[in-house]
Protein backbone atom coordinates (compact mmCIF):
# COMPACT_ATOMS: atom_id res chain seq x y z
CA MET A 1 8.95 32.68 26.60
CA ASP A 2 5.46 33.35 26.48
CA ASP A 3 4.36 36.23 23.81
CA LYS A 4 2.05 38.23 26.67
CA ILE A 5 4.87 38.12 28.90
CA ARG A 6 7.73 39.20 26.61
CA LYS A 7 5.30 42.00 25.21
CA ILE A 8 4.75 43.46 28.87
CA GLN A 9 8.63 42.60 29.58
CA GLU A 10 9.54 44.95 26.47
CA GLY A 11 7.29 47.84 27.46
CA ILE A 12 8.75 47.75 31.19
CA ASP A 13 11.87 47.30 30.50
CA ALA A 14 11.76 50.27 28.08
CA LEU A 15 10.25 52.65 30.87
CA LEU A 16 12.76 51.17 33.36
CA SER A 17 15.34 52.18 31.28
CA LEU A 18 14.52 55.78 30.34
CA GLN A 19 14.10 56.07 34.40
CA ARG A 20 17.29 54.35 35.11
CA ARG A 21 19.38 57.05 32.47
CA PHE A 22 17.27 59.87 34.18
CA GLN A 23 18.33 58.74 37.84
CA GLU A 24 21.83 58.00 37.07
CA GLU A 25 22.21 61.42 35.32
CA HIS A 26 20.98 63.17 38.09
CA GLY A 27 22.60 61.30 40.73
CA PHE A 28 19.76 59.28 41.94
CA ASP A 29 20.84 56.07 41.35
CA PHE A 30 20.07 54.61 44.99
CA TRP A 31 19.95 50.87 43.97
CA LYS A 32 23.76 51.18 43.90
CA GLU A 33 24.14 52.32 47.59
CA ASN A 34 24.24 50.32 50.62
CA PRO A 35 21.73 48.07 52.01
CA GLU A 36 20.60 50.92 54.42
CA LYS A 37 20.52 53.62 51.98
CA LYS A 38 18.52 51.47 49.73
CA ARG A 39 16.08 50.57 52.07
CA ASP A 40 15.27 54.27 53.37
CA MET A 41 15.29 55.80 49.81
CA PHE A 42 13.20 52.65 48.73
CA ILE A 43 10.46 53.24 51.48
CA ARG A 44 11.12 57.75 50.55
CA THR A 45 10.52 56.76 46.82
CA LEU A 46 7.19 54.36 47.70
CA PHE A 47 5.92 57.40 49.81
CA ALA A 48 6.58 60.21 47.14
CA ALA A 49 4.70 57.89 44.56
CA ILE A 50 1.68 57.68 47.01
CA ASP A 51 1.88 61.43 47.45
CA GLU A 52 1.93 62.22 43.63
CA LEU A 53 -1.26 59.62 43.65
CA ALA A 54 -2.72 61.89 46.47
CA GLU A 55 -2.47 64.94 44.45
CA ALA A 56 -4.17 63.30 41.34
CA GLY A 57 -6.88 62.64 43.47
CA ASP A 58 -7.20 66.00 44.77
CA GLU A 59 -7.24 67.74 41.17
CA VAL A 60 -10.81 66.09 41.25
CA ASN A 61 -11.97 66.15 45.03
CA ARG A 62 -11.08 69.61 46.62
CA TRP A 63 -14.85 69.88 48.04
CA TRP A 64 -13.96 73.31 49.12
CA LYS A 65 -12.84 74.89 45.52
CA LYS A 66 -15.33 75.12 42.74
CA GLY A 67 -14.53 73.03 39.85
CA PHE A 68 -12.75 70.41 41.73
CA LYS A 69 -15.41 68.16 42.48
CA GLU A 70 -17.86 68.56 40.19
CA PRO A 71 -18.98 65.30 37.90
CA GLU A 72 -16.99 66.87 34.94
CA ALA A 73 -13.80 67.63 36.79
CA LEU A 74 -12.22 64.60 35.90
CA GLU A 75 -12.84 65.16 32.18
CA THR A 76 -11.84 69.04 32.52
CA LYS A 77 -8.69 68.39 34.35
CA LYS A 78 -7.42 65.02 32.81
CA GLU A 79 -4.13 66.63 31.48
CA THR A 80 -3.40 67.96 35.14
CA VAL A 81 -4.31 64.36 36.82
CA LEU A 82 -2.45 62.42 34.00
CA GLU A 83 0.62 64.36 34.68
CA GLU A 84 0.36 63.85 38.67
CA MET A 85 -0.13 59.92 37.84
CA ILE A 86 2.82 59.94 35.66
CA ASP A 87 4.68 61.54 38.50
CA SER A 88 3.59 58.66 40.80
CA LEU A 89 4.98 56.10 37.85
CA HIS A 90 8.38 57.94 37.77
CA PHE A 91 8.62 57.19 41.46
CA TYR A 92 7.27 53.58 41.23
CA LEU A 93 9.71 53.20 38.48
CA GLY A 94 12.40 54.49 40.90
CA ALA A 95 11.51 52.09 43.56
CA LEU A 96 11.29 49.28 41.07
CA LEU A 97 15.15 50.08 40.33
CA ILE A 98 16.28 50.32 43.94
CA LEU A 99 14.23 46.68 44.34
CA GLY A 100 16.55 45.35 41.60
CA VAL A 101 13.98 43.81 39.18
CA ASP A 102 13.54 43.83 35.55
CA GLY A 103 10.76 43.85 33.17
CA LYS A 104 10.39 40.09 33.04
CA GLU A 105 10.17 39.62 36.67
CA VAL A 106 7.32 42.42 36.68
CA ALA A 107 5.65 40.98 34.10
CA GLU A 108 5.44 37.85 35.64
CA ALA A 109 4.55 38.88 39.12
CA TYR A 110 1.64 41.04 37.34
CA LEU A 111 0.21 38.32 35.25
CA ARG A 112 0.05 35.67 38.18
CA LYS A 113 -1.28 38.53 40.53
CA ASN A 114 -3.94 39.08 37.57
CA LYS A 115 -4.75 35.86 37.63
CA ILE A 116 -5.46 35.45 41.09
CA ASN A 117 -7.49 38.55 41.17
CA PHE A 118 -9.88 37.30 38.14
CA GLU A 119 -10.47 33.90 40.41
CA ARG A 120 -11.31 36.37 43.39
CA GLN A 121 -14.28 38.08 41.24
CA ARG A 122 -15.21 34.61 39.80
CA ASN A 123 -15.33 33.16 43.05
CA LYS A 124 -17.65 35.19 45.41
CA GLU A 125 -16.58 32.69 48.52
CA LEU A 126 -13.27 34.09 48.35
CA GLY A 127 -14.96 37.32 49.78
CA TYR A 128 -14.08 39.58 47.12
CA VAL A 129 -16.58 41.73 45.40
């Protein structure tokens, strides 16, 4: 196996394992449900991940509150922003568990898509900036 894929896979598998343990301990093992319930929980989990990312953005972009839109907000609110992003990561990992993928599949898909993204940036004729 390619060393790059193996390293990425190990990290993702470690995160998935931690998330699986948490979800099983609390009865959120939706990957064990029937297809209809799995689909429903997959969608709900993705929207929860999106909501957490929006909360991270709100921490540095609440135009109506002092201290939230200043250029320094990203640095001064770094810990809170990171916490919201980790909340999103938890939901994202949960969605991967529902989808039934492992670290190797995620690593291979990431590297495949990363290669495409690099090519899009190199070749402006593809219409990407």
